[in-house]
Structure formats: structure tokens, C-alpha cells
């Protein structure tokens, strides 16, 4: 599913298509982790505190640096708590982060049902 190219015309919105793709992945029977970042911005790794949760309300329009999201994805890929889960990721730009993404971000993550 192409989600970032505006050259295609379709009746459904881009978010509808992303959700359909996520559902196809969930139904595939393959292990997965879906990461939904906040608004992506440029920035260095660790400039802000990384936050993770499992509700759309959690993000509240928060921004995420691309470097922090990439580091989070790498950590989640090898963490069993992230298996078969959908996780929203954002950055708290008011708090300094770390160059290391803590696995404790995934302690309260539960698998999708």
C-alpha cells in the first residue's frame, strides 16, 4: 500500500488506507509490530524524551524526530513485548532524551486483540 504519494486519486482518505493495510497485516498470521509516529520532524537522536503508548489520544498531535522513531523501531524489532502490537510513538520536546532508547518504553505494551 502506498501511503505517501499524492498522485493516486481514491475516494478513501490516506488514513483509511493505512488502517486497511494494518488490518491486513494483523490478519496475515505473521508476527508484526506497527509503529505509528507523531508528526515527523528533523532532529538528532536523543534531543527529546521518547514516549510510547497504545491510544490515538496519547499522541495528541505530538511531534517525533525521525532519528528517535528509527531508534525506537530498531529496539521494538528485537523486543518480545512489541510482538503483534500497535504502538504510537511521540517525543516530549520539553524534556531531553538519550542516545539509547530504553526497553522500558515497552513494559506496558499489550498485543493487539
PDB file of N, CA and C in Angstrom:
ATOM      1  N   UNK A   1       0.856  -1.178   0.000  1.00  0.00           N
ATOM      2  CA  UNK A   1       0.000   0.000   0.000  1.00  0.00           C
ATOM      3  C   UNK A   1       0.889   1.223   0.000  1.00  0.00           C
ATOM      4  N   UNK A   2       0.657   2.131  -0.922  1.00  0.00           N
ATOM      5  CA  UNK A   2       1.407   3.386  -0.987  1.00  0.00           C
ATOM      6  C   UNK A   2       0.652   4.415  -0.172  1.00  0.00           C
ATOM      7  N   UNK A   3       1.326   5.014   0.813  1.00  0.00           N
ATOM      8  CA  UNK A   3       0.632   5.966   1.674  1.00  0.00           C
ATOM      9  C   UNK A   3       1.168   7.376   1.560  1.00  0.00           C
ATOM     10  N   UNK A   4       2.266   7.575   0.870  1.00  0.00           N
ATOM     11  CA  UNK A   4       2.855   8.907   0.847  1.00  0.00           C
ATOM     12  C   UNK A   4       2.892   9.566  -0.515  1.00  0.00           C
ATOM     13  N   UNK A   5       2.303   8.977  -1.510  1.00  0.00           N
ATOM     14  CA  UNK A   5       2.355   9.532  -2.857  1.00  0.00           C
ATOM     15  C   UNK A   5       0.990  10.084  -3.215  1.00  0.00           C
ATOM     16  N   UNK A   6       0.926  11.358  -3.524  1.00  0.00           N
ATOM     17  CA  UNK A   6      -0.371  12.003  -3.760  1.00  0.00           C
ATOM     18  C   UNK A   6      -0.843  11.889  -5.204  1.00  0.00           C
ATOM     19  N   UNK A   7      -0.130  11.186  -6.042  1.00  0.00           N
ATOM     20  CA  UNK A   7      -0.511  11.070  -7.433  1.00  0.00           C
ATOM     21  C   UNK A   7      -1.688  10.149  -7.696  1.00  0.00           C
ATOM     22  N   UNK A   8      -2.081   9.359  -6.708  1.00  0.00           N
ATOM     23  CA  UNK A   8      -3.208   8.463  -6.868  1.00  0.00           C
ATOM     24  C   UNK A   8      -4.478   9.127  -6.362  1.00  0.00           C
ATOM     25  N   UNK A   9      -5.543   8.994  -7.113  1.00  0.00           N
ATOM     26  CA  UNK A   9      -6.836   9.524  -6.669  1.00  0.00           C
ATOM     27  C   UNK A   9      -7.661   8.362  -6.134  1.00  0.00           C
ATOM     28  N   UNK A  10      -8.235   8.530  -4.994  1.00  0.00           N
ATOM     29  CA  UNK A  10      -9.077   7.493  -4.415  1.00  0.00           C
ATOM     30  C   UNK A  10     -10.130   8.156  -3.549  1.00  0.00           C
ATOM     31  N   UNK A  11     -11.214   7.455  -3.316  1.00  0.00           N
ATOM     32  CA  UNK A  11     -12.316   8.014  -2.542  1.00  0.00           C
ATOM     33  C   UNK A  11     -12.033   7.992  -1.046  1.00  0.00           C
ATOM     34  N   UNK A  12     -11.296   7.017  -0.623  1.00  0.00           N
ATOM     35  CA  UNK A  12     -10.976   6.927   0.799  1.00  0.00           C
ATOM     36  C   UNK A  12      -9.791   7.827   1.106  1.00  0.00           C
ATOM     37  N   UNK A  13      -9.714   8.264   2.348  1.00  0.00           N
ATOM     38  CA  UNK A  13      -8.579   9.067   2.770  1.00  0.00           C
ATOM     39  C   UNK A  13      -7.351   8.213   3.011  1.00  0.00           C
ATOM     40  N   UNK A  14      -6.207   8.853   3.087  1.00  0.00           N
ATOM     41  CA  UNK A  14      -4.954   8.145   3.287  1.00  0.00           C
ATOM     42  C   UNK A  14      -4.967   7.364   4.603  1.00  0.00           C
ATOM     43  N   UNK A  15      -5.546   7.932   5.659  1.00  0.00           N
ATOM     44  CA  UNK A  15      -5.566   7.230   6.940  1.00  0.00           C
ATOM     45  C   UNK A  15      -6.420   5.967   6.862  1.00  0.00           C
ATOM     46  N   UNK A  16      -7.502   6.015   6.071  1.00  0.00           N
ATOM     47  CA  UNK A  16      -8.323   4.813   5.870  1.00  0.00           C
ATOM     48  C   UNK A  16      -7.509   3.708   5.206  1.00  0.00           C
ATOM     49  N   UNK A  17      -6.711   4.080   4.212  1.00  0.00           N
ATOM     50  CA  UNK A  17      -5.891   3.099   3.505  1.00  0.00           C
ATOM     51  C   UNK A  17      -4.801   2.536   4.416  1.00  0.00           C
ATOM     52  N   UNK A  18      -4.211   3.385   5.251  1.00  0.00           N
ATOM     53  CA  UNK A  18      -3.209   2.890   6.195  1.00  0.00           C
ATOM     54  C   UNK A  18      -3.841   1.892   7.165  1.00  0.00           C
ATOM     55  N   UNK A  19      -5.024   2.213   7.663  1.00  0.00           N
ATOM     56  CA  UNK A  19      -5.711   1.318   8.597  1.00  0.00           C
ATOM     57  C   UNK A  19      -6.053  -0.009   7.930  1.00  0.00           C
ATOM     58  N   UNK A  20      -6.468   0.026   6.677  1.00  0.00           N
ATOM     59  CA  UNK A  20      -6.739  -1.220   5.945  1.00  0.00           C
ATOM     60  C   UNK A  20      -5.469  -2.059   5.842  1.00  0.00           C
ATOM     61  N   UNK A  21      -4.355  -1.414   5.547  1.00  0.00           N
ATOM     62  CA  UNK A  21      -3.078  -2.118   5.458  1.00  0.00           C
ATOM     63  C   UNK A  21      -2.680  -2.737   6.784  1.00  0.00           C
ATOM     64  N   UNK A  22      -2.891  -1.982   7.870  1.00  0.00           N
ATOM     65  CA  UNK A  22      -2.601  -2.527   9.201  1.00  0.00           C
ATOM     66  C   UNK A  22      -3.459  -3.753   9.486  1.00  0.00           C
ATOM     67  N   UNK A  23      -4.732  -3.690   9.141  1.00  0.00           N
ATOM     68  CA  UNK A  23      -5.628  -4.826   9.377  1.00  0.00           C
ATOM     69  C   UNK A  23      -5.214  -6.043   8.561  1.00  0.00           C
ATOM     70  N   UNK A  24      -4.789  -5.833   7.321  1.00  0.00           N
ATOM     71  CA  UNK A  24      -4.300  -6.949   6.507  1.00  0.00           C
ATOM     72  C   UNK A  24      -3.086  -7.596   7.158  1.00  0.00           C
ATOM     73  N   UNK A  25      -2.198  -6.771   7.684  1.00  0.00           N
ATOM     74  CA  UNK A  25      -1.016  -7.300   8.369  1.00  0.00           C
ATOM     75  C   UNK A  25      -1.419  -8.089   9.612  1.00  0.00           C
ATOM     76  N   UNK A  26      -2.344  -7.554  10.409  1.00  0.00           N
ATOM     77  CA  UNK A  26      -2.809  -8.256  11.609  1.00  0.00           C
ATOM     78  C   UNK A  26      -3.418  -9.611  11.264  1.00  0.00           C
ATOM     79  N   UNK A  27      -4.169  -9.666  10.177  1.00  0.00           N
ATOM     80  CA  UNK A  27      -4.868 -10.891   9.780  1.00  0.00           C
ATOM     81  C   UNK A  27      -3.966 -11.888   9.065  1.00  0.00           C
ATOM     82  N   UNK A  28      -2.758 -11.493   8.725  1.00  0.00           N
ATOM     83  CA  UNK A  28      -1.869 -12.349   7.934  1.00  0.00           C
ATOM     84  C   UNK A  28      -1.342 -13.556   8.699  1.00  0.00           C
ATOM     85  N   UNK A  29      -1.348 -13.479  10.029  1.00  0.00           N
ATOM     86  CA  UNK A  29      -0.783 -14.559  10.822  1.00  0.00           C
ATOM     87  C   UNK A  29       0.717 -14.429  11.030  1.00  0.00           C
ATOM     88  N   UNK A  30       1.342 -13.459  10.400  1.00  0.00           N
ATOM     89  CA  UNK A  30       2.774 -13.218  10.562  1.00  0.00           C
ATOM     90  C   UNK A  30       3.010 -12.334  11.790  1.00  0.00           C
ATOM     91  N   UNK A  31       4.116 -12.527  12.502  1.00  0.00           N
ATOM     92  CA  UNK A  31       4.418 -11.626  13.613  1.00  0.00           C
ATOM     93  C   UNK A  31       4.651 -10.215  13.067  1.00  0.00           C
ATOM     94  N   UNK A  32       4.244  -9.212  13.825  1.00  0.00           N
ATOM     95  CA  UNK A  32       4.362  -7.829  13.358  1.00  0.00           C
ATOM     96  C   UNK A  32       4.481  -6.880  14.536  1.00  0.00           C
ATOM     97  N   UNK A  33       4.939  -5.690  14.248  1.00  0.00           N
ATOM     98  CA  UNK A  33       4.859  -4.550  15.141  1.00  0.00           C
ATOM     99  C   UNK A  33       4.512  -3.355  14.265  1.00  0.00           C
ATOM    100  N   UNK A  34       3.416  -2.680  14.598  1.00  0.00           N
ATOM    101  CA  UNK A  34       3.006  -1.485  13.860  1.00  0.00           C
ATOM    102  C   UNK A  34       3.386  -0.290  14.723  1.00  0.00           C
ATOM    103  N   UNK A  35       4.192   0.600  14.158  1.00  0.00           N
ATOM    104  CA  UNK A  35       4.616   1.805  14.866  1.00  0.00           C
ATOM    105  C   UNK A  35       3.980   2.997  14.177  1.00  0.00           C
ATOM    106  N   UNK A  36       3.225   3.778  14.958  1.00  0.00           N
ATOM    107  CA  UNK A  36       2.572   4.982  14.452  1.00  0.00           C
ATOM    108  C   UNK A  36       3.246   6.198  15.086  1.00  0.00           C
ATOM    109  N   UNK A  37       4.140   6.845  14.363  1.00  0.00           N
ATOM    110  CA  UNK A  37       4.813   8.011  14.937  1.00  0.00           C
ATOM    111  C   UNK A  37       3.929   9.253  14.878  1.00  0.00           C
ATOM    112  N   UNK A  38       4.274  10.207  15.736  1.00  0.00           N
ATOM    113  CA  UNK A  38       3.637  11.511  15.657  1.00  0.00           C
ATOM    114  C   UNK A  38       4.138  12.241  14.413  1.00  0.00           C
ATOM    115  N   UNK A  39       3.788  13.492  14.288  1.00  0.00           N
ATOM    116  CA  UNK A  39       4.238  14.317  13.168  1.00  0.00           C
ATOM    117  C   UNK A  39       5.763  14.268  13.103  1.00  0.00           C
ATOM    118  N   UNK A  40       6.320  13.806  11.978  1.00  0.00           N
ATOM    119  CA  UNK A  40       7.767  13.629  11.868  1.00  0.00           C
ATOM    120  C   UNK A  40       8.463  14.955  11.598  1.00  0.00           C
ATOM    121  N   UNK A  41       9.533  15.184  12.363  1.00  0.00           N
ATOM    122  CA  UNK A  41      10.348  16.379  12.189  1.00  0.00           C
ATOM    123  C   UNK A  41      11.811  15.958  12.108  1.00  0.00           C
ATOM    124  N   UNK A  42      12.647  16.824  11.595  1.00  0.00           N
ATOM    125  CA  UNK A  42      14.083  16.571  11.582  1.00  0.00           C
ATOM    126  C   UNK A  42      14.647  16.831  12.975  1.00  0.00           C
ATOM    127  N   UNK A  43      15.698  16.147  13.304  1.00  0.00           N
ATOM    128  CA  UNK A  43      16.350  16.344  14.593  1.00  0.00           C
ATOM    129  C   UNK A  43      17.279  15.189  14.881  1.00  0.00           C
ATOM    130  N   UNK A  44      18.213  15.441  15.771  1.00  0.00           N
ATOM    131  CA  UNK A  44      19.186  14.419  16.150  1.00  0.00           C
ATOM    132  C   UNK A  44      18.591  13.462  17.171  1.00  0.00           C
ATOM    133  N   UNK A  45      19.158  12.291  17.224  1.00  0.00           N
ATOM    134  CA  UNK A  45      18.761  11.277  18.194  1.00  0.00           C
ATOM    135  C   UNK A  45      18.958  11.804  19.613  1.00  0.00           C
ATOM    136  N   UNK A  46      17.947  11.615  20.447  1.00  0.00           N
ATOM    137  CA  UNK A  46      18.070  11.971  21.847  1.00  0.00           C
ATOM    138  C   UNK A  46      17.798  13.419  22.193  1.00  0.00           C
ATOM    139  N   UNK A  47      17.346  14.218  21.240  1.00  0.00           N
ATOM    140  CA  UNK A  47      17.045  15.623  21.539  1.00  0.00           C
ATOM    141  C   UNK A  47      15.812  15.757  22.428  1.00  0.00           C
ATOM    142  N   UNK A  48      14.958  14.750  22.409  1.00  0.00           N
ATOM    143  CA  UNK A  48      13.721  14.800  23.190  1.00  0.00           C
ATOM    144  C   UNK A  48      13.450  13.440  23.808  1.00  0.00           C
ATOM    145  N   UNK A  49      12.669  13.437  24.869  1.00  0.00           N
ATOM    146  CA  UNK A  49      12.269  12.201  25.530  1.00  0.00           C
ATOM    147  C   UNK A  49      11.273  11.457  24.646  1.00  0.00           C
ATOM    148  N   UNK A  50      11.523  10.173  24.403  1.00  0.00           N
ATOM    149  CA  UNK A  50      10.621   9.361  23.592  1.00  0.00           C
ATOM    150  C   UNK A  50       9.518   8.805  24.479  1.00  0.00           C
ATOM    151  N   UNK A  51       8.287   8.864  23.989  1.00  0.00           N
ATOM    152  CA  UNK A  51       7.124   8.336  24.694  1.00  0.00           C
ATOM    153  C   UNK A  51       6.458   7.288  23.818  1.00  0.00           C
ATOM    154  N   UNK A  52       5.885   6.270  24.426  1.00  0.00           N
ATOM    155  CA  UNK A  52       5.188   5.227  23.671  1.00  0.00           C
ATOM    156  C   UNK A  52       3.891   4.880  24.387  1.00  0.00           C
ATOM    157  N   UNK A  53       2.839   4.643  23.611  1.00  0.00           N
ATOM    158  CA  UNK A  53       1.550   4.281  24.166  1.00  0.00           C
ATOM    159  C   UNK A  53       0.720   3.544  23.138  1.00  0.00           C
ATOM    160  N   UNK A  54      -0.527   3.262  23.483  1.00  0.00           N
ATOM    161  CA  UNK A  54      -1.359   2.471  22.588  1.00  0.00           C
ATOM    162  C   UNK A  54      -2.728   3.075  22.324  1.00  0.00           C
ATOM    163  N   UNK A  55      -2.870   4.360  22.439  1.00  0.00           N
ATOM    164  CA  UNK A  55      -4.135   5.013  22.094  1.00  0.00           C
ATOM    165  C   UNK A  55      -3.854   6.224  21.227  1.00  0.00           C
ATOM    166  N   UNK A  56      -4.770   6.543  20.328  1.00  0.00           N
ATOM    167  CA  UNK A  56      -4.603   7.738  19.498  1.00  0.00           C
ATOM    168  C   UNK A  56      -4.609   9.000  20.352  1.00  0.00           C
ATOM    169  N   UNK A  57      -5.340   8.967  21.462  1.00  0.00           N
ATOM    170  CA  UNK A  57      -5.395  10.105  22.358  1.00  0.00           C
ATOM    171  C   UNK A  57      -4.009  10.420  22.914  1.00  0.00           C
ATOM    172  N   UNK A  58      -3.196   9.387  23.058  1.00  0.00           N
ATOM    173  CA  UNK A  58      -1.852   9.511  23.611  1.00  0.00           C
ATOM    174  C   UNK A  58      -1.018  10.518  22.824  1.00  0.00           C
ATOM    175  N   UNK A  59      -1.116  10.476  21.502  1.00  0.00           N
ATOM    176  CA  UNK A  59      -0.281  11.348  20.680  1.00  0.00           C
ATOM    177  C   UNK A  59      -0.689  12.814  20.793  1.00  0.00           C
ATOM    178  N   UNK A  60      -1.943  13.086  20.670  1.00  0.00           N
ATOM    179  CA  UNK A  60      -2.419  14.461  20.794  1.00  0.00           C
ATOM    180  C   UNK A  60      -1.698  15.438  19.895  1.00  0.00           C
ATOM    181  N   UNK A  61      -1.328  15.037  18.690  1.00  0.00           N
ATOM    182  CA  UNK A  61      -0.644  15.934  17.758  1.00  0.00           C
ATOM    183  C   UNK A  61       0.831  16.113  18.047  1.00  0.00           C
ATOM    184  N   UNK A  62       1.406  15.274  18.900  1.00  0.00           N
ATOM    185  CA  UNK A  62       2.815  15.394  19.263  1.00  0.00           C
ATOM    186  C   UNK A  62       3.720  15.153  18.059  1.00  0.00           C
ATOM    187  N   UNK A  63       4.894  15.693  18.137  1.00  0.00           N
ATOM    188  CA  UNK A  63       5.892  15.526  17.076  1.00  0.00           C
ATOM    189  C   UNK A  63       6.916  14.482  17.497  1.00  0.00           C
ATOM    190  N   UNK A  64       7.577  13.896  16.491  1.00  0.00           N
ATOM    191  CA  UNK A  64       8.623  12.905  16.739  1.00  0.00           C
ATOM    192  C   UNK A  64       9.770  13.170  15.788  1.00  0.00           C
ATOM    193  N   UNK A  65      10.994  13.099  16.279  1.00  0.00           N
ATOM    194  CA  UNK A  65      12.117  13.225  15.364  1.00  0.00           C
ATOM    195  C   UNK A  65      12.282  11.911  14.614  1.00  0.00           C
ATOM    196  N   UNK A  66      12.690  12.014  13.375  1.00  0.00           N
ATOM    197  CA  UNK A  66      12.887  10.808  12.559  1.00  0.00           C
ATOM    198  C   UNK A  66      13.930   9.888  13.198  1.00  0.00           C
ATOM    199  N   UNK A  67      14.985  10.482  13.756  1.00  0.00           N
ATOM    200  CA  UNK A  67      16.047   9.687  14.377  1.00  0.00           C
ATOM    201  C   UNK A  67      15.516   8.916  15.580  1.00  0.00           C
ATOM    202  N   UNK A  68      14.676   9.550  16.397  1.00  0.00           N
ATOM    203  CA  UNK A  68      14.118   8.868  17.562  1.00  0.00           C
ATOM    204  C   UNK A  68      13.178   7.743  17.149  1.00  0.00           C
ATOM    205  N   UNK A  69      12.367   7.980  16.122  1.00  0.00           N
ATOM    206  CA  UNK A  69      11.448   6.935  15.647  1.00  0.00           C
ATOM    207  C   UNK A  69      12.240   5.760  15.087  1.00  0.00           C
ATOM    208  N   UNK A  70      13.293   6.038  14.349  1.00  0.00           N
ATOM    209  CA  UNK A  70      14.127   4.962  13.802  1.00  0.00           C
ATOM    210  C   UNK A  70      14.755   4.133  14.929  1.00  0.00           C
ATOM    211  N   UNK A  71      15.277   4.801  15.947  1.00  0.00           N
ATOM    212  CA  UNK A  71      15.876   4.088  17.078  1.00  0.00           C
ATOM    213  C   UNK A  71      14.823   3.264  17.815  1.00  0.00           C
ATOM    214  N   UNK A  72      13.630   3.824  17.964  1.00  0.00           N
ATOM    215  CA  UNK A  72      12.550   3.086  18.621  1.00  0.00           C
ATOM    216  C   UNK A  72      12.202   1.839  17.814  1.00  0.00           C
ATOM    217  N   UNK A  73      12.109   1.955  16.499  1.00  0.00           N
ATOM    218  CA  UNK A  73      11.765   0.805  15.645  1.00  0.00           C
ATOM    219  C   UNK A  73      12.800  -0.306  15.760  1.00  0.00           C
ATOM    220  N   UNK A  74      14.063   0.057  15.816  1.00  0.00           N
ATOM    221  CA  UNK A  74      15.120  -0.949  15.956  1.00  0.00           C
ATOM    222  C   UNK A  74      14.980  -1.670  17.288  1.00  0.00           C
ATOM    223  N   UNK A  75      14.738  -0.901  18.365  1.00  0.00           N
ATOM    224  CA  UNK A  75      14.576  -1.505  19.685  1.00  0.00           C
ATOM    225  C   UNK A  75      13.334  -2.396  19.716  1.00  0.00           C
ATOM    226  N   UNK A  76      12.234  -1.937  19.137  1.00  0.00           N
ATOM    227  CA  UNK A  76      10.988  -2.708  19.147  1.00  0.00           C
ATOM    228  C   UNK A  76      11.107  -3.995  18.334  1.00  0.00           C
ATOM    229  N   UNK A  77      11.921  -3.971  17.289  1.00  0.00           N
ATOM    230  CA  UNK A  77      12.064  -5.145  16.423  1.00  0.00           C
ATOM    231  C   UNK A  77      12.659  -6.346  17.159  1.00  0.00           C
ATOM    232  N   UNK A  78      13.409  -6.089  18.204  1.00  0.00           N
ATOM    233  CA  UNK A  78      14.052  -7.192  18.933  1.00  0.00           C
ATOM    234  C   UNK A  78      13.473  -7.383  20.335  1.00  0.00           C
ATOM    235  N   UNK A  79      12.405  -6.668  20.655  1.00  0.00           N
ATOM    236  CA  UNK A  79      11.805  -6.761  21.983  1.00  0.00           C
ATOM    237  C   UNK A  79      10.520  -7.577  21.911  1.00  0.00           C
ATOM    238  N   UNK A  80      10.418  -8.676  22.646  1.00  0.00           N
ATOM    239  CA  UNK A  80       9.226  -9.523  22.562  1.00  0.00           C
ATOM    240  C   UNK A  80       7.933  -8.823  23.004  1.00  0.00           C
ATOM    241  N   UNK A  81       8.029  -7.779  23.811  1.00  0.00           N
ATOM    242  CA  UNK A  81       6.819  -7.059  24.236  1.00  0.00           C
ATOM    243  C   UNK A  81       6.137  -6.341  23.078  1.00  0.00           C
ATOM    244  N   UNK A  82       6.868  -6.079  22.003  1.00  0.00           N
ATOM    245  CA  UNK A  82       6.307  -5.363  20.861  1.00  0.00           C
ATOM    246  C   UNK A  82       5.668  -6.300  19.835  1.00  0.00           C
ATOM    247  N   UNK A  83       5.791  -7.610  20.038  1.00  0.00           N
ATOM    248  CA  UNK A  83       5.270  -8.578  19.062  1.00  0.00           C
ATOM    249  C   UNK A  83       3.751  -8.477  18.979  1.00  0.00           C
ATOM    250  N   UNK A  84       3.261  -8.355  17.755  1.00  0.00           N
ATOM    251  CA  UNK A  84       1.827  -8.295  17.452  1.00  0.00           C
ATOM    252  C   UNK A  84       1.129  -7.135  18.167  1.00  0.00           C
ATOM    253  N   UNK A  85       1.809  -6.001  18.238  1.00  0.00           N
ATOM    254  CA  UNK A  85       1.261  -4.828  18.916  1.00  0.00           C
ATOM    255  C   UNK A  85       1.288  -3.614  17.990  1.00  0.00           C
ATOM    256  N   UNK A  86       0.351  -2.706  18.225  1.00  0.00           N
ATOM    257  CA  UNK A  86       0.312  -1.416  17.551  1.00  0.00           C
ATOM    258  C   UNK A  86       0.699  -0.374  18.589  1.00  0.00           C
ATOM    259  N   UNK A  87       1.726   0.427  18.266  1.00  0.00           N
ATOM    260  CA  UNK A  87       2.302   1.348  19.243  1.00  0.00           C
ATOM    261  C   UNK A  87       2.406   2.748  18.647  1.00  0.00           C
ATOM    262  N   UNK A  88       1.897   3.731  19.371  1.00  0.00           N
ATOM    263  CA  UNK A  88       2.053   5.126  18.983  1.00  0.00           C
ATOM    264  C   UNK A  88       3.314   5.664  19.644  1.00  0.00           C
ATOM    265  N   UNK A  89       4.101   6.427  18.893  1.00  0.00           N
ATOM    266  CA  UNK A  89       5.363   6.967  19.394  1.00  0.00           C
ATOM    267  C   UNK A  89       5.367   8.472  19.202  1.00  0.00           C
ATOM    268  N   UNK A  90       5.793   9.182  20.235  1.00  0.00           N
ATOM    269  CA  UNK A  90       5.897  10.637  20.162  1.00  0.00           C
ATOM    270  C   UNK A  90       7.121  11.072  20.955  1.00  0.00           C
ATOM    271  N   UNK A  91       7.482  12.320  20.808  1.00  0.00           N
ATOM    272  CA  UNK A  91       8.605  12.877  21.550  1.00  0.00           C
ATOM    273  C   UNK A  91       8.117  14.020  22.424  1.00  0.00           C
ATOM    274  N   UNK A  92       8.576  14.031  23.658  1.00  0.00           N
ATOM    275  CA  UNK A  92       8.315  15.156  24.546  1.00  0.00           C
ATOM    276  C   UNK A  92       9.463  16.140  24.334  1.00  0.00           C
ATOM    277  N   UNK A  93       9.219  17.147  23.509  1.00  0.00           N
ATOM    278  CA  UNK A  93      10.282  18.076  23.121  1.00  0.00           C
ATOM    279  C   UNK A  93      10.722  18.972  24.280  1.00  0.00           C
ATOM    280  N   UNK A  94       9.989  18.963  25.373  1.00  0.00           N
ATOM    281  CA  UNK A  94      10.350  19.793  26.531  1.00  0.00           C
ATOM    282  C   UNK A  94      11.350  19.097  27.452  1.00  0.00           C
ATOM    283  N   UNK A  95      11.558  17.785  27.233  1.00  0.00           N
ATOM    284  CA  UNK A  95      12.494  17.036  28.073  1.00  0.00           C
ATOM    285  C   UNK A  95      13.592  16.440  27.208  1.00  0.00           C
ATOM    286  N   UNK A  96      14.822  16.512  27.684  1.00  0.00           N
ATOM    287  CA  UNK A  96      15.969  15.956  26.984  1.00  0.00           C
ATOM    288  C   UNK A  96      15.881  14.439  26.985  1.00  0.00           C
ATOM    289  N   UNK A  97      16.223  13.848  25.879  1.00  0.00           N
ATOM    290  CA  UNK A  97      16.206  12.402  25.756  1.00  0.00           C
ATOM    291  C   UNK A  97      17.577  11.797  25.940  1.00  0.00           C
ATOM    292  N   UNK A  98      17.760  10.627  25.373  1.00  0.00           N
ATOM    293  CA  UNK A  98      19.014   9.890  25.467  1.00  0.00           C
ATOM    294  C   UNK A  98      19.333   9.300  24.103  1.00  0.00           C
ATOM    295  N   UNK A  99      20.602   9.034  23.876  1.00  0.00           N
ATOM    296  CA  UNK A  99      21.004   8.375  22.627  1.00  0.00           C
ATOM    297  C   UNK A  99      20.592   6.905  22.614  1.00  0.00           C
ATOM    298  N   UNK A 100      20.203   6.367  23.765  1.00  0.00           N
ATOM    299  CA  UNK A 100      19.750   4.989  23.863  1.00  0.00           C
ATOM    300  C   UNK A 100      18.251   4.971  24.136  1.00  0.00           C
ATOM    301  N   UNK A 101      17.525   4.175  23.377  1.00  0.00           N
ATOM    302  CA  UNK A 101      16.084   4.034  23.588  1.00  0.00           C
ATOM    303  C   UNK A 101      15.874   2.929  24.611  1.00  0.00           C
ATOM    304  N   UNK A 102      15.209   3.253  25.684  1.00  0.00           N
ATOM    305  CA  UNK A 102      15.037   2.297  26.783  1.00  0.00           C
ATOM    306  C   UNK A 102      13.962   1.267  26.475  1.00  0.00           C
ATOM    307  N   UNK A 103      14.272  -0.011  26.666  1.00  0.00           N
ATOM    308  CA  UNK A 103      13.258  -1.064  26.504  1.00  0.00           C
ATOM    309  C   UNK A 103      12.093  -0.916  27.481  1.00  0.00           C
ATOM    310  N   UNK A 104      12.261  -0.136  28.544  1.00  0.00           N
ATOM    311  CA  UNK A 104      11.170   0.059  29.495  1.00  0.00           C
ATOM    312  C   UNK A 104       9.972   0.763  28.841  1.00  0.00           C
ATOM    313  N   UNK A 105      10.186   1.394  27.683  1.00  0.00           N
ATOM    314  CA  UNK A 105       9.075   2.013  26.961  1.00  0.00           C
ATOM    315  C   UNK A 105       8.026   0.978  26.566  1.00  0.00           C
ATOM    316  N   UNK A 106       8.435  -0.278  26.475  1.00  0.00           N
ATOM    317  CA  UNK A 106       7.527  -1.331  26.018  1.00  0.00           C
ATOM    318  C   UNK A 106       6.990  -2.214  27.147  1.00  0.00           C
ATOM    319  N   UNK A 107       7.287  -1.858  28.392  1.00  0.00           N
ATOM    320  CA  UNK A 107       6.871  -2.700  29.517  1.00  0.00           C
ATOM    321  C   UNK A 107       5.362  -2.876  29.618  1.00  0.00           C
ATOM    322  N   UNK A 108       4.602  -1.849  29.294  1.00  0.00           N
ATOM    323  CA  UNK A 108       3.135  -1.912  29.453  1.00  0.00           C
ATOM    324  C   UNK A 108       2.390  -2.119  28.134  1.00  0.00           C
ATOM    325  N   UNK A 109       3.121  -2.462  27.094  1.00  0.00           N
ATOM    326  CA  UNK A 109       2.504  -2.688  25.779  1.00  0.00           C
ATOM    327  C   UNK A 109       1.841  -4.068  25.775  1.00  0.00           C
ATOM    328  N   UNK A 110       0.609  -4.127  25.278  1.00  0.00           N
ATOM    329  CA  UNK A 110      -0.101  -5.403  25.186  1.00  0.00           C
ATOM    330  C   UNK A 110      -0.346  -5.723  23.712  1.00  0.00           C
ATOM    331  N   UNK A 111      -0.368  -6.995  23.361  1.00  0.00           N
ATOM    332  CA  UNK A 111      -0.636  -7.379  21.966  1.00  0.00           C
ATOM    333  C   UNK A 111      -2.039  -6.955  21.529  1.00  0.00           C
ATOM    334  N   UNK A 112      -2.179  -6.719  20.233  1.00  0.00           N
ATOM    335  CA  UNK A 112      -3.493  -6.417  19.664  1.00  0.00           C
ATOM    336  C   UNK A 112      -4.405  -7.627  19.831  1.00  0.00           C
ATOM    337  N   UNK A 113      -5.692  -7.351  19.883  1.00  0.00           N
ATOM    338  CA  UNK A 113      -6.657  -8.444  20.010  1.00  0.00           C
ATOM    339  C   UNK A 113      -7.271  -8.769  18.681  1.00  0.00           C
TER     340      UNK A 113
END
